Amino acid sequence: MIGQVRAVPGAILGLDMTAALACAEALGLPTLVCADLLPAVEAGMVRGLNAHLKAEQDGP
């Protein structure tokens, strides 16, 4: 999913939910369940990715 994010310079805003659901369908996962769970997963991923970006920007 790394290539399927909505971003601005220096920050990740969210995932491309259409792409995420297409990936779920391609993997044979129930899309209704994934649609229900994806917002929580997205929130955690965005927090983690932005923390990683900030750490890289701040340097050692």
PDB file of N, CA and C in Angstrom:
ATOM      1  N   MET A   1       0.807  -1.201   0.000  1.00  0.00           N
ATOM      2  CA  MET A   1       0.000   0.000   0.000  1.00  0.00           C
ATOM      3  C   MET A   1       0.852   1.267   0.000  1.00  0.00           C
ATOM      4  N   ILE A   2       2.138   1.150   0.133  1.00  0.00           N
ATOM      5  CA  ILE A   2       2.961   2.353   0.228  1.00  0.00           C
ATOM      6  C   ILE A   2       2.776   3.265  -0.973  1.00  0.00           C
ATOM      7  N   GLY A   3       2.597   2.723  -2.165  1.00  0.00           N
ATOM      8  CA  GLY A   3       2.406   3.556  -3.340  1.00  0.00           C
ATOM      9  C   GLY A   3       1.003   4.114  -3.474  1.00  0.00           C
ATOM     10  N   GLN A   4       0.109   3.718  -2.607  1.00  0.00           N
ATOM     11  CA  GLN A   4      -1.287   4.120  -2.716  1.00  0.00           C
ATOM     12  C   GLN A   4      -1.688   5.042  -1.565  1.00  0.00           C
ATOM     13  N   VAL A   5      -0.954   6.131  -1.406  1.00  0.00           N
ATOM     14  CA  VAL A   5      -1.264   7.068  -0.333  1.00  0.00           C
ATOM     15  C   VAL A   5      -1.603   8.438  -0.899  1.00  0.00           C
ATOM     16  N   ARG A   6      -2.342   9.194  -0.138  1.00  0.00           N
ATOM     17  CA  ARG A   6      -2.641  10.590  -0.450  1.00  0.00           C
ATOM     18  C   ARG A   6      -1.665  11.401   0.384  1.00  0.00           C
ATOM     19  N   ALA A   7      -0.871  12.243  -0.268  1.00  0.00           N
ATOM     20  CA  ALA A   7       0.187  12.941   0.451  1.00  0.00           C
ATOM     21  C   ALA A   7       0.371  14.364  -0.064  1.00  0.00           C
ATOM     22  N   VAL A   8       0.961  15.165   0.793  1.00  0.00           N
ATOM     23  CA  VAL A   8       1.457  16.498   0.450  1.00  0.00           C
ATOM     24  C   VAL A   8       2.921  16.493   0.854  1.00  0.00           C
ATOM     25  N   PRO A   9       3.710  17.418   0.367  1.00  0.00           N
ATOM     26  CA  PRO A   9       5.129  17.415   0.757  1.00  0.00           C
ATOM     27  C   PRO A   9       5.301  17.401   2.284  1.00  0.00           C
ATOM     28  N   GLY A  10       5.962  16.355   2.771  1.00  0.00           N
ATOM     29  CA  GLY A  10       6.269  16.249   4.187  1.00  0.00           C
ATOM     30  C   GLY A  10       5.232  15.568   5.053  1.00  0.00           C
ATOM     31  N   ALA A  11       4.101  15.130   4.478  1.00  0.00           N
ATOM     32  CA  ALA A  11       3.073  14.494   5.307  1.00  0.00           C
ATOM     33  C   ALA A  11       2.213  13.541   4.473  1.00  0.00           C
ATOM     34  N   ILE A  12       1.788  12.474   5.123  1.00  0.00           N
ATOM     35  CA  ILE A  12       0.843  11.528   4.540  1.00  0.00           C
ATOM     36  C   ILE A  12      -0.539  11.899   5.069  1.00  0.00           C
ATOM     37  N   LEU A  13      -1.518  12.024   4.183  1.00  0.00           N
ATOM     38  CA  LEU A  13      -2.869  12.404   4.588  1.00  0.00           C
ATOM     39  C   LEU A  13      -3.798  11.217   4.751  1.00  0.00           C
ATOM     40  N   GLY A  14      -3.576  10.164   3.981  1.00  0.00           N
ATOM     41  CA  GLY A  14      -4.439   9.003   4.070  1.00  0.00           C
ATOM     42  C   GLY A  14      -4.139   8.014   2.972  1.00  0.00           C
ATOM     43  N   LEU A  15      -4.884   6.922   2.980  1.00  0.00           N
ATOM     44  CA  LEU A  15      -4.739   5.886   1.969  1.00  0.00           C
ATOM     45  C   LEU A  15      -5.748   6.104   0.850  1.00  0.00           C
ATOM     46  N   ASP A  16      -5.444   5.569  -0.304  1.00  0.00           N
ATOM     47  CA  ASP A  16      -6.393   5.527  -1.407  1.00  0.00           C
ATOM     48  C   ASP A  16      -7.316   4.346  -1.111  1.00  0.00           C
ATOM     49  N   MET A  17      -8.499   4.623  -0.591  1.00  0.00           N
ATOM     50  CA  MET A  17      -9.405   3.560  -0.150  1.00  0.00           C
ATOM     51  C   MET A  17      -9.889   2.693  -1.308  1.00  0.00           C
ATOM     52  N   THR A  18     -10.031   3.276  -2.485  1.00  0.00           N
ATOM     53  CA  THR A  18     -10.427   2.474  -3.638  1.00  0.00           C
ATOM     54  C   THR A  18      -9.363   1.424  -3.935  1.00  0.00           C
ATOM     55  N   ALA A  19      -8.102   1.836  -3.904  1.00  0.00           N
ATOM     56  CA  ALA A  19      -6.998   0.897  -4.145  1.00  0.00           C
ATOM     57  C   ALA A  19      -6.923  -0.133  -3.023  1.00  0.00           C
ATOM     58  N   ALA A  20      -7.121   0.297  -1.784  1.00  0.00           N
ATOM     59  CA  ALA A  20      -7.061  -0.626  -0.648  1.00  0.00           C
ATOM     60  C   ALA A  20      -8.151  -1.693  -0.767  1.00  0.00           C
ATOM     61  N   LEU A  21      -9.353  -1.284  -1.125  1.00  0.00           N
ATOM     62  CA  LEU A  21     -10.436  -2.255  -1.277  1.00  0.00           C
ATOM     63  C   LEU A  21     -10.216  -3.160  -2.488  1.00  0.00           C
ATOM     64  N   ALA A  22      -9.610  -2.625  -3.542  1.00  0.00           N
ATOM     65  CA  ALA A  22      -9.289  -3.460  -4.704  1.00  0.00           C
ATOM     66  C   ALA A  22      -8.251  -4.514  -4.324  1.00  0.00           C
ATOM     67  N   CYS A  23      -7.269  -4.132  -3.501  1.00  0.00           N
ATOM     68  CA  CYS A  23      -6.272  -5.099  -3.015  1.00  0.00           C
ATOM     69  C   CYS A  23      -6.942  -6.174  -2.172  1.00  0.00           C
ATOM     70  N   ALA A  24      -7.848  -5.759  -1.298  1.00  0.00           N
ATOM     71  CA  ALA A  24      -8.562  -6.721  -0.457  1.00  0.00           C
ATOM     72  C   ALA A  24      -9.351  -7.706  -1.316  1.00  0.00           C
ATOM     73  N   GLU A  25     -10.037  -7.193  -2.317  1.00  0.00           N
ATOM     74  CA  GLU A  25     -10.817  -8.061  -3.204  1.00  0.00           C
ATOM     75  C   GLU A  25      -9.901  -9.022  -3.966  1.00  0.00           C
ATOM     76  N   ALA A  26      -8.770  -8.510  -4.447  1.00  0.00           N
ATOM     77  CA  ALA A  26      -7.826  -9.357  -5.178  1.00  0.00           C
ATOM     78  C   ALA A  26      -7.264 -10.465  -4.292  1.00  0.00           C
ATOM     79  N   LEU A  27      -7.152 -10.195  -3.007  1.00  0.00           N
ATOM     80  CA  LEU A  27      -6.659 -11.199  -2.064  1.00  0.00           C
ATOM     81  C   LEU A  27      -7.753 -12.149  -1.594  1.00  0.00           C
ATOM     82  N   GLY A  28      -8.978 -11.902  -2.031  1.00  0.00           N
ATOM     83  CA  GLY A  28     -10.087 -12.770  -1.649  1.00  0.00           C
ATOM     84  C   GLY A  28     -10.661 -12.466  -0.281  1.00  0.00           C
ATOM     85  N   LEU A  29     -10.362 -11.277   0.237  1.00  0.00           N
ATOM     86  CA  LEU A  29     -10.884 -10.888   1.552  1.00  0.00           C
ATOM     87  C   LEU A  29     -12.290 -10.306   1.396  1.00  0.00           C
ATOM     88  N   PRO A  30     -13.119 -10.463   2.408  1.00  0.00           N
ATOM     89  CA  PRO A  30     -14.474  -9.901   2.323  1.00  0.00           C
ATOM     90  C   PRO A  30     -14.414  -8.363   2.342  1.00  0.00           C
ATOM     91  N   THR A  31     -14.853  -7.753   1.257  1.00  0.00           N
ATOM     92  CA  THR A  31     -14.714  -6.299   1.128  1.00  0.00           C
ATOM     93  C   THR A  31     -15.561  -5.529   2.149  1.00  0.00           C
ATOM     94  N   LEU A  32     -16.697  -6.062   2.545  1.00  0.00           N
ATOM     95  CA  LEU A  32     -17.515  -5.363   3.547  1.00  0.00           C
ATOM     96  C   LEU A  32     -16.787  -5.285   4.892  1.00  0.00           C
ATOM     97  N   VAL A  33     -16.128  -6.368   5.263  1.00  0.00           N
ATOM     98  CA  VAL A  33     -15.353  -6.371   6.511  1.00  0.00           C
ATOM     99  C   VAL A  33     -14.176  -5.405   6.391  1.00  0.00           C
ATOM    100  N   CYS A  34     -13.492  -5.461   5.263  1.00  0.00           N
ATOM    101  CA  CYS A  34     -12.345  -4.568   5.053  1.00  0.00           C
ATOM    102  C   CYS A  34     -12.778  -3.107   5.059  1.00  0.00           C
ATOM    103  N   ALA A  35     -13.912  -2.805   4.443  1.00  0.00           N
ATOM    104  CA  ALA A  35     -14.413  -1.430   4.432  1.00  0.00           C
ATOM    105  C   ALA A  35     -14.694  -0.947   5.852  1.00  0.00           C
ATOM    106  N   ASP A  36     -15.123  -1.860   6.706  1.00  0.00           N
ATOM    107  CA  ASP A  36     -15.390  -1.510   8.098  1.00  0.00           C
ATOM    108  C   ASP A  36     -14.093  -1.297   8.882  1.00  0.00           C
ATOM    109  N   LEU A  37     -13.069  -2.114   8.614  1.00  0.00           N
ATOM    110  CA  LEU A  37     -11.813  -2.060   9.365  1.00  0.00           C
ATOM    111  C   LEU A  37     -10.807  -1.042   8.832  1.00  0.00           C
ATOM    112  N   LEU A  38     -10.874  -0.725   7.543  1.00  0.00           N
ATOM    113  CA  LEU A  38      -9.865   0.133   6.933  1.00  0.00           C
ATOM    114  C   LEU A  38      -9.692   1.503   7.588  1.00  0.00           C
ATOM    115  N   PRO A  39     -10.736   2.189   8.030  1.00  0.00           N
ATOM    116  CA  PRO A  39     -10.501   3.487   8.661  1.00  0.00           C
ATOM    117  C   PRO A  39      -9.585   3.411   9.893  1.00  0.00           C
ATOM    118  N   ALA A  40      -9.737   2.375  10.703  1.00  0.00           N
ATOM    119  CA  ALA A  40      -8.871   2.219  11.874  1.00  0.00           C
ATOM    120  C   ALA A  40      -7.449   1.870  11.449  1.00  0.00           C
ATOM    121  N   VAL A  41      -7.324   1.005  10.454  1.00  0.00           N
ATOM    122  CA  VAL A  41      -6.004   0.635   9.940  1.00  0.00           C
ATOM    123  C   VAL A  41      -5.328   1.866   9.337  1.00  0.00           C
ATOM    124  N   GLU A  42      -6.099   2.632   8.562  1.00  0.00           N
ATOM    125  CA  GLU A  42      -5.571   3.845   7.927  1.00  0.00           C
ATOM    126  C   GLU A  42      -5.039   4.817   8.974  1.00  0.00           C
ATOM    127  N   ALA A  43      -5.786   5.028  10.032  1.00  0.00           N
ATOM    128  CA  ALA A  43      -5.360   5.970  11.077  1.00  0.00           C
ATOM    129  C   ALA A  43      -4.014   5.554  11.671  1.00  0.00           C
ATOM    130  N   GLY A  44      -3.862   4.284  11.972  1.00  0.00           N
ATOM    131  CA  GLY A  44      -2.597   3.797  12.530  1.00  0.00           C
ATOM    132  C   GLY A  44      -1.451   3.916  11.538  1.00  0.00           C
ATOM    133  N   MET A  45      -1.713   3.578  10.285  1.00  0.00           N
ATOM    134  CA  MET A  45      -0.667   3.668   9.271  1.00  0.00           C
ATOM    135  C   MET A  45      -0.245   5.116   9.040  1.00  0.00           C
ATOM    136  N   VAL A  46      -1.198   6.017   8.979  1.00  0.00           N
ATOM    137  CA  VAL A  46      -0.875   7.434   8.759  1.00  0.00           C
ATOM    138  C   VAL A  46      -0.051   7.975   9.925  1.00  0.00           C
ATOM    139  N   ARG A  47      -0.446   7.655  11.154  1.00  0.00           N
ATOM    140  CA  ARG A  47       0.340   8.098  12.317  1.00  0.00           C
ATOM    141  C   ARG A  47       1.769   7.566  12.247  1.00  0.00           C
ATOM    142  N   GLY A  48       1.903   6.283  11.955  1.00  0.00           N
ATOM    143  CA  GLY A  48       3.228   5.667  11.891  1.00  0.00           C
ATOM    144  C   GLY A  48       4.081   6.231  10.764  1.00  0.00           C
ATOM    145  N   LEU A  49       3.495   6.380   9.588  1.00  0.00           N
ATOM    146  CA  LEU A  49       4.246   6.920   8.459  1.00  0.00           C
ATOM    147  C   LEU A  49       4.673   8.364   8.702  1.00  0.00           C
ATOM    148  N   ASN A  50       3.782   9.171   9.276  1.00  0.00           N
ATOM    149  CA  ASN A  50       4.138  10.560   9.556  1.00  0.00           C
ATOM    150  C   ASN A  50       5.204  10.656  10.644  1.00  0.00           C
ATOM    151  N   ALA A  51       5.154   9.782  11.637  1.00  0.00           N
ATOM    152  CA  ALA A  51       6.204   9.760  12.664  1.00  0.00           C
ATOM    153  C   ALA A  51       7.549   9.397  12.036  1.00  0.00           C
ATOM    154  N   HIS A  52       7.527   8.447  11.110  1.00  0.00           N
ATOM    155  CA  HIS A  52       8.754   8.046  10.422  1.00  0.00           C
ATOM    156  C   HIS A  52       9.298   9.201   9.571  1.00  0.00           C
ATOM    157  N   LEU A  53       8.423   9.875   8.848  1.00  0.00           N
ATOM    158  CA  LEU A  53       8.840  11.027   8.045  1.00  0.00           C
ATOM    159  C   LEU A  53       9.449  12.121   8.915  1.00  0.00           C
ATOM    160  N   LYS A  54       8.817  12.403  10.065  1.00  0.00           N
ATOM    161  CA  LYS A  54       9.306  13.432  10.959  1.00  0.00           C
ATOM    162  C   LYS A  54      10.686  13.061  11.507  1.00  0.00           C
ATOM    163  N   ALA A  55      10.867  11.797  11.872  1.00  0.00           N
ATOM    164  CA  ALA A  55      12.152  11.332  12.384  1.00  0.00           C
ATOM    165  C   ALA A  55      13.244  11.469  11.318  1.00  0.00           C
ATOM    166  N   GLU A  56      12.898  11.166  10.059  1.00  0.00           N
ATOM    167  CA  GLU A  56      13.876  11.321   8.979  1.00  0.00           C
ATOM    168  C   GLU A  56      14.230  12.777   8.756  1.00  0.00           C
ATOM    169  N   GLN A  57      13.251  13.672   8.867  1.00  0.00           N
ATOM    170  CA  GLN A  57      13.485  15.098   8.673  1.00  0.00           C
ATOM    171  C   GLN A  57      14.321  15.689   9.793  1.00  0.00           C
ATOM    172  N   ASP A  58      14.087  15.214  11.020  1.00  0.00           N
ATOM    173  CA  ASP A  58      14.817  15.740  12.184  1.00  0.00           C
ATOM    174  C   ASP A  58      16.261  15.295  12.197  1.00  0.00           C
ATOM    175  N   GLY A  59      16.530  14.152  11.560  1.00  0.00           N
ATOM    176  CA  GLY A  59      17.899  13.633  11.494  1.00  0.00           C
ATOM    177  C   GLY A  59      18.348  13.036  12.807  1.00  0.00           C
ATOM    178  N   PRO A  60      19.630  12.611  12.842  1.00  0.00           N
ATOM    179  CA  PRO A  60      20.149  11.938  14.043  1.00  0.00           C
ATOM    180  C   PRO A  60      20.354  12.863  15.214  1.00  0.00           C
TER     181      PRO A  60
END
